[in-house]
Amino acid sequence: MARPPALPVEDKLHIVLSILAGESTIAAAARKHGLSEQTIGNWKKQFIQGGREGLSGTARTERASARETALKAEIDNLRAALDEVRVQLRVWMNSEEQAFPSRTLR
């Protein structure tokens, strides 16, 4: 038996909200849409879990934390590269001063 095509998020949302509102049961929604009760039950659990995370700020905090960590790593890399360039510039300026003592570079 072929797997039914994936439903758009809006359709899944409508089904889950109708179950939560008491307008339909999981079994009735499954029959009506040709889906398994387990599939709709999973959608309901995912919806509730997503709402819980949204209210607690957990998902947003984790995303912000991951982004912040990546940005801090990038900053560290850029600082290291800048320090290396500064050292190279000092070496170059010292070698120029030794080669041409009358020139002043600043």
N, C-alpha and C. Protein backbone atom coordinates (compact mmCIF):
# COMPACT_ATOMS: atom_id res chain seq x y z
N MET A 1 0.84 -1.19 0.00
CA MET A 1 0.00 0.00 0.00
C MET A 1 0.89 1.24 0.00
N ALA A 2 0.61 2.16 -0.87
CA ALA A 2 1.41 3.38 -1.01
C ALA A 2 1.13 4.33 0.15
N ARG A 3 2.15 5.06 0.50
CA ARG A 3 2.02 6.05 1.56
C ARG A 3 1.22 7.23 1.02
N PRO A 4 0.26 7.76 1.80
CA PRO A 4 -0.49 8.92 1.32
C PRO A 4 0.41 10.15 1.22
N PRO A 5 0.08 11.06 0.33
CA PRO A 5 0.93 12.26 0.20
C PRO A 5 0.90 13.07 1.49
N ALA A 6 2.00 13.77 1.75
CA ALA A 6 2.10 14.59 2.96
C ALA A 6 1.10 15.73 2.88
N LEU A 7 0.45 15.97 4.01
CA LEU A 7 -0.52 17.07 4.07
C LEU A 7 0.20 18.38 4.36
N PRO A 8 -0.32 19.47 3.85
CA PRO A 8 0.26 20.77 4.20
C PRO A 8 0.09 21.04 5.70
N VAL A 9 0.94 21.84 6.25
CA VAL A 9 0.91 22.16 7.68
C VAL A 9 -0.45 22.73 8.08
N GLU A 10 -1.03 23.54 7.22
CA GLU A 10 -2.33 24.15 7.54
C GLU A 10 -3.40 23.08 7.75
N ASP A 11 -3.37 22.02 6.93
CA ASP A 11 -4.35 20.94 7.08
C ASP A 11 -4.11 20.17 8.38
N LYS A 12 -2.86 19.90 8.68
CA LYS A 12 -2.54 19.21 9.93
C LYS A 12 -3.00 20.04 11.12
N LEU A 13 -2.74 21.34 11.06
CA LEU A 13 -3.14 22.24 12.13
C LEU A 13 -4.65 22.23 12.31
N HIS A 14 -5.38 22.29 11.22
CA HIS A 14 -6.85 22.26 11.28
C HIS A 14 -7.34 20.97 11.94
N ILE A 15 -6.75 19.86 11.58
CA ILE A 15 -7.15 18.56 12.15
C ILE A 15 -6.87 18.53 13.65
N VAL A 16 -5.67 18.93 14.04
CA VAL A 16 -5.29 18.90 15.46
C VAL A 16 -6.16 19.85 16.27
N LEU A 17 -6.38 21.05 15.75
CA LEU A 17 -7.21 22.01 16.49
C LEU A 17 -8.65 21.53 16.64
N SER A 18 -9.17 20.85 15.62
CA SER A 18 -10.53 20.33 15.73
C SER A 18 -10.61 19.23 16.79
N ILE A 19 -9.53 18.47 16.95
CA ILE A 19 -9.50 17.44 17.99
C ILE A 19 -9.40 18.09 19.37
N LEU A 20 -8.52 19.06 19.50
CA LEU A 20 -8.36 19.74 20.79
C LEU A 20 -9.60 20.52 21.20
N ALA A 21 -10.33 21.02 20.22
CA ALA A 21 -11.57 21.76 20.51
C ALA A 21 -12.73 20.82 20.82
N GLY A 22 -12.54 19.54 20.63
CA GLY A 22 -13.59 18.56 20.91
C GLY A 22 -14.58 18.41 19.76
N GLU A 23 -14.27 18.97 18.61
CA GLU A 23 -15.15 18.88 17.45
C GLU A 23 -15.04 17.51 16.79
N SER A 24 -13.95 16.81 17.03
CA SER A 24 -13.69 15.52 16.41
C SER A 24 -12.83 14.68 17.34
N THR A 25 -12.84 13.40 17.12
CA THR A 25 -11.94 12.51 17.85
C THR A 25 -10.79 12.15 16.92
N ILE A 26 -9.75 11.57 17.50
CA ILE A 26 -8.62 11.15 16.67
C ILE A 26 -9.08 10.08 15.69
N ALA A 27 -9.90 9.14 16.17
CA ALA A 27 -10.38 8.06 15.31
C ALA A 27 -11.22 8.60 14.15
N ALA A 28 -12.12 9.53 14.45
CA ALA A 28 -12.98 10.10 13.40
C ALA A 28 -12.15 10.89 12.38
N ALA A 29 -11.19 11.66 12.87
CA ALA A 29 -10.33 12.44 11.96
C ALA A 29 -9.50 11.52 11.09
N ALA A 30 -9.01 10.42 11.66
CA ALA A 30 -8.21 9.46 10.90
C ALA A 30 -9.05 8.85 9.77
N ARG A 31 -10.27 8.45 10.09
CA ARG A 31 -11.16 7.88 9.05
C ARG A 31 -11.48 8.91 7.98
N LYS A 32 -11.80 10.12 8.39
CA LYS A 32 -12.21 11.17 7.46
C LYS A 32 -11.08 11.52 6.47
N HIS A 33 -9.85 11.53 6.95
CA HIS A 33 -8.73 11.97 6.11
C HIS A 33 -7.89 10.83 5.57
N GLY A 34 -8.28 9.61 5.88
CA GLY A 34 -7.56 8.44 5.38
C GLY A 34 -6.16 8.30 5.97
N LEU A 35 -6.05 8.63 7.24
CA LEU A 35 -4.77 8.57 7.94
C LEU A 35 -4.87 7.61 9.11
N SER A 36 -3.71 7.26 9.67
CA SER A 36 -3.74 6.38 10.84
C SER A 36 -3.95 7.22 12.10
N GLU A 37 -4.54 6.58 13.10
CA GLU A 37 -4.74 7.25 14.37
C GLU A 37 -3.39 7.61 15.00
N GLN A 38 -2.40 6.78 14.78
CA GLN A 38 -1.07 7.05 15.33
C GLN A 38 -0.48 8.32 14.72
N THR A 39 -0.66 8.50 13.42
CA THR A 39 -0.14 9.70 12.76
C THR A 39 -0.76 10.95 13.36
N ILE A 40 -2.07 10.94 13.49
CA ILE A 40 -2.75 12.12 14.05
C ILE A 40 -2.39 12.30 15.51
N GLY A 41 -2.26 11.21 16.24
CA GLY A 41 -1.83 11.30 17.64
C GLY A 41 -0.44 11.91 17.77
N ASN A 42 0.44 11.54 16.84
CA ASN A 42 1.78 12.13 16.84
C ASN A 42 1.74 13.63 16.56
N TRP A 43 0.88 14.03 15.60
CA TRP A 43 0.75 15.45 15.29
C TRP A 43 0.28 16.21 16.54
N LYS A 44 -0.68 15.62 17.22
CA LYS A 44 -1.22 16.27 18.43
C LYS A 44 -0.12 16.43 19.48
N LYS A 45 0.67 15.37 19.70
CA LYS A 45 1.76 15.45 20.67
C LYS A 45 2.79 16.50 20.26
N GLN A 46 3.13 16.53 18.96
CA GLN A 46 4.10 17.51 18.46
C GLN A 46 3.58 18.93 18.65
N PHE A 47 2.29 19.11 18.39
CA PHE A 47 1.68 20.44 18.52
C PHE A 47 1.73 20.90 19.98
N ILE A 48 1.36 20.02 20.87
CA ILE A 48 1.36 20.37 22.29
C ILE A 48 2.79 20.63 22.78
N GLN A 49 3.72 19.79 22.38
CA GLN A 49 5.12 19.98 22.78
C GLN A 49 5.67 21.29 22.23
N GLY A 50 5.36 21.60 20.98
CA GLY A 50 5.80 22.86 20.38
C GLY A 50 5.24 24.06 21.11
N GLY A 51 3.98 23.98 21.50
CA GLY A 51 3.36 25.06 22.27
C GLY A 51 4.00 25.22 23.62
N ARG A 52 4.31 24.10 24.26
CA ARG A 52 4.96 24.12 25.57
C ARG A 52 6.33 24.78 25.46
N GLU A 53 7.09 24.41 24.43
CA GLU A 53 8.42 25.00 24.23
C GLU A 53 8.31 26.48 23.92
N GLY A 54 7.29 26.83 23.12
CA GLY A 54 7.09 28.23 22.78
C GLY A 54 6.78 29.07 24.01
N LEU A 55 5.96 28.54 24.90
CA LEU A 55 5.61 29.28 26.10
C LEU A 55 6.76 29.37 27.09
N SER A 56 7.60 28.35 27.12
CA SER A 56 8.73 28.37 28.04
C SER A 56 9.92 29.12 27.48
N GLY A 57 9.94 29.34 26.17
CA GLY A 57 11.05 30.03 25.54
C GLY A 57 12.24 29.11 25.30
N THR A 58 12.07 27.80 25.53
CA THR A 58 13.17 26.86 25.40
C THR A 58 13.73 26.83 23.99
N ALA A 59 12.88 26.69 22.99
CA ALA A 59 13.35 26.57 21.61
C ALA A 59 14.07 27.85 21.18
N ARG A 60 13.50 28.98 21.52
CA ARG A 60 14.10 30.25 21.14
C ARG A 60 15.45 30.43 21.83
N THR A 61 15.53 30.06 23.10
CA THR A 61 16.78 30.18 23.85
C THR A 61 17.84 29.27 23.26
N GLU A 62 17.47 28.05 22.88
CA GLU A 62 18.43 27.12 22.30
C GLU A 62 18.94 27.63 20.96
N ARG A 63 18.03 28.18 20.13
CA ARG A 63 18.45 28.73 18.84
C ARG A 63 19.38 29.91 19.05
N ALA A 64 19.00 30.80 19.98
CA ALA A 64 19.82 31.98 20.26
C ALA A 64 21.18 31.54 20.80
N SER A 65 21.18 30.55 21.66
CA SER A 65 22.41 30.07 22.25
C SER A 65 23.33 29.47 21.18
N ALA A 66 22.78 28.69 20.28
CA ALA A 66 23.58 28.09 19.21
C ALA A 66 24.14 29.18 18.30
N ARG A 67 23.33 30.16 17.97
CA ARG A 67 23.79 31.27 17.12
C ARG A 67 24.85 32.08 17.84
N GLU A 68 24.63 32.34 19.11
CA GLU A 68 25.59 33.10 19.90
C GLU A 68 26.93 32.37 19.97
N THR A 69 26.89 31.07 20.16
CA THR A 69 28.11 30.27 20.20
C THR A 69 28.86 30.34 18.88
N ALA A 70 28.13 30.24 17.78
CA ALA A 70 28.75 30.30 16.46
C ALA A 70 29.37 31.69 16.23
N LEU A 71 28.67 32.73 16.62
CA LEU A 71 29.20 34.08 16.44
C LEU A 71 30.43 34.33 17.31
N LYS A 72 30.42 33.81 18.53
CA LYS A 72 31.59 33.96 19.39
C LYS A 72 32.80 33.25 18.80
N ALA A 73 32.58 32.07 18.23
CA ALA A 73 33.68 31.34 17.59
C ALA A 73 34.22 32.13 16.40
N GLU A 74 33.32 32.73 15.63
CA GLU A 74 33.76 33.54 14.48
C GLU A 74 34.55 34.76 14.94
N ILE A 75 34.10 35.38 16.01
CA ILE A 75 34.82 36.54 16.56
C ILE A 75 36.22 36.13 17.01
N ASP A 76 36.31 34.98 17.68
CA ASP A 76 37.62 34.49 18.13
C ASP A 76 38.55 34.26 16.93
N ASN A 77 38.02 33.66 15.87
CA ASN A 77 38.82 33.42 14.66
C ASN A 77 39.28 34.73 14.04
N LEU A 78 38.40 35.70 13.96
CA LEU A 78 38.76 37.00 13.38
C LEU A 78 39.79 37.72 14.23
N ARG A 79 39.66 37.63 15.55
CA ARG A 79 40.65 38.27 16.43
C ARG A 79 42.02 37.63 16.24
N ALA A 80 42.04 36.30 16.14
CA ALA A 80 43.32 35.59 15.94
C ALA A 80 43.95 36.01 14.62
N ALA A 81 43.13 36.12 13.56
CA ALA A 81 43.65 36.53 12.26
C ALA A 81 44.17 37.96 12.33
N LEU A 82 43.46 38.83 13.02
CA LEU A 82 43.89 40.22 13.16
C LEU A 82 45.20 40.31 13.93
N ASP A 83 45.33 39.53 14.99
CA ASP A 83 46.58 39.51 15.75
C ASP A 83 47.74 39.06 14.87
N GLU A 84 47.50 38.06 14.03
CA GLU A 84 48.54 37.57 13.13
C GLU A 84 48.96 38.65 12.14
N VAL A 85 48.00 39.38 11.61
CA VAL A 85 48.29 40.45 10.66
C VAL A 85 49.08 41.56 11.36
N ARG A 86 48.72 41.86 12.60
CA ARG A 86 49.46 42.89 13.35
C ARG A 86 50.92 42.50 13.51
N VAL A 87 51.15 41.24 13.86
CA VAL A 87 52.53 40.76 14.01
C VAL A 87 53.27 40.87 12.69
N GLN A 88 52.65 40.44 11.60
CA GLN A 88 53.29 40.53 10.29
C GLN A 88 53.59 41.97 9.92
N LEU A 89 52.68 42.87 10.24
CA LEU A 89 52.89 44.30 9.94
C LEU A 89 54.07 44.85 10.74
N ARG A 90 54.15 44.47 12.01
CA ARG A 90 55.29 44.93 12.83
C ARG A 90 56.61 44.41 12.27
N VAL A 91 56.63 43.14 11.88
CA VAL A 91 57.84 42.56 11.30
C VAL A 91 58.21 43.31 10.03
N TRP A 92 57.23 43.56 9.19
CA TRP A 92 57.48 44.28 7.93
C TRP A 92 57.98 45.69 8.20
N MET A 93 57.36 46.38 9.15
CA MET A 93 57.78 47.75 9.46
C MET A 93 59.19 47.77 10.03
N ASN A 94 59.52 46.80 10.88
CA ASN A 94 60.88 46.73 11.43
C ASN A 94 61.90 46.46 10.34
N SER A 95 61.56 45.58 9.41
CA SER A 95 62.50 45.28 8.32
C SER A 95 62.66 46.49 7.41
N GLU A 96 61.60 47.25 7.19
CA GLU A 96 61.68 48.48 6.38
C GLU A 96 62.55 49.52 7.07
N GLU A 97 62.41 49.66 8.38
CA GLU A 97 63.20 50.63 9.12
C GLU A 97 64.68 50.27 9.08
N GLN A 98 64.97 48.96 9.14
CA GLN A 98 66.36 48.54 9.09
C GLN A 98 66.94 48.72 7.68
N ALA A 99 66.13 48.50 6.68
CA ALA A 99 66.61 48.63 5.30
C ALA A 99 66.74 50.09 4.90
N PHE A 100 65.83 50.94 5.39
CA PHE A 100 65.84 52.35 5.04
C PHE A 100 65.75 53.18 6.32
N PRO A 101 66.85 53.36 7.04
CA PRO A 101 66.82 54.04 8.33
C PRO A 101 66.33 55.49 8.25
N SER A 102 66.52 56.17 7.15
CA SER A 102 66.10 57.55 7.05
C SER A 102 64.59 57.71 6.86
N ARG A 103 63.91 56.64 6.42
CA ARG A 103 62.45 56.69 6.20
C ARG A 103 61.73 56.52 7.52
N THR A 104 60.67 57.23 7.71
CA THR A 104 59.84 57.01 8.89
C THR A 104 58.47 56.57 8.40
N LEU A 105 58.07 55.41 8.84
CA LEU A 105 56.75 54.86 8.49
C LEU A 105 55.89 54.87 9.71
N ARG A 106 54.83 55.58 9.62
CA ARG A 106 53.88 55.57 10.75
C ARG A 106 52.57 56.07 10.31
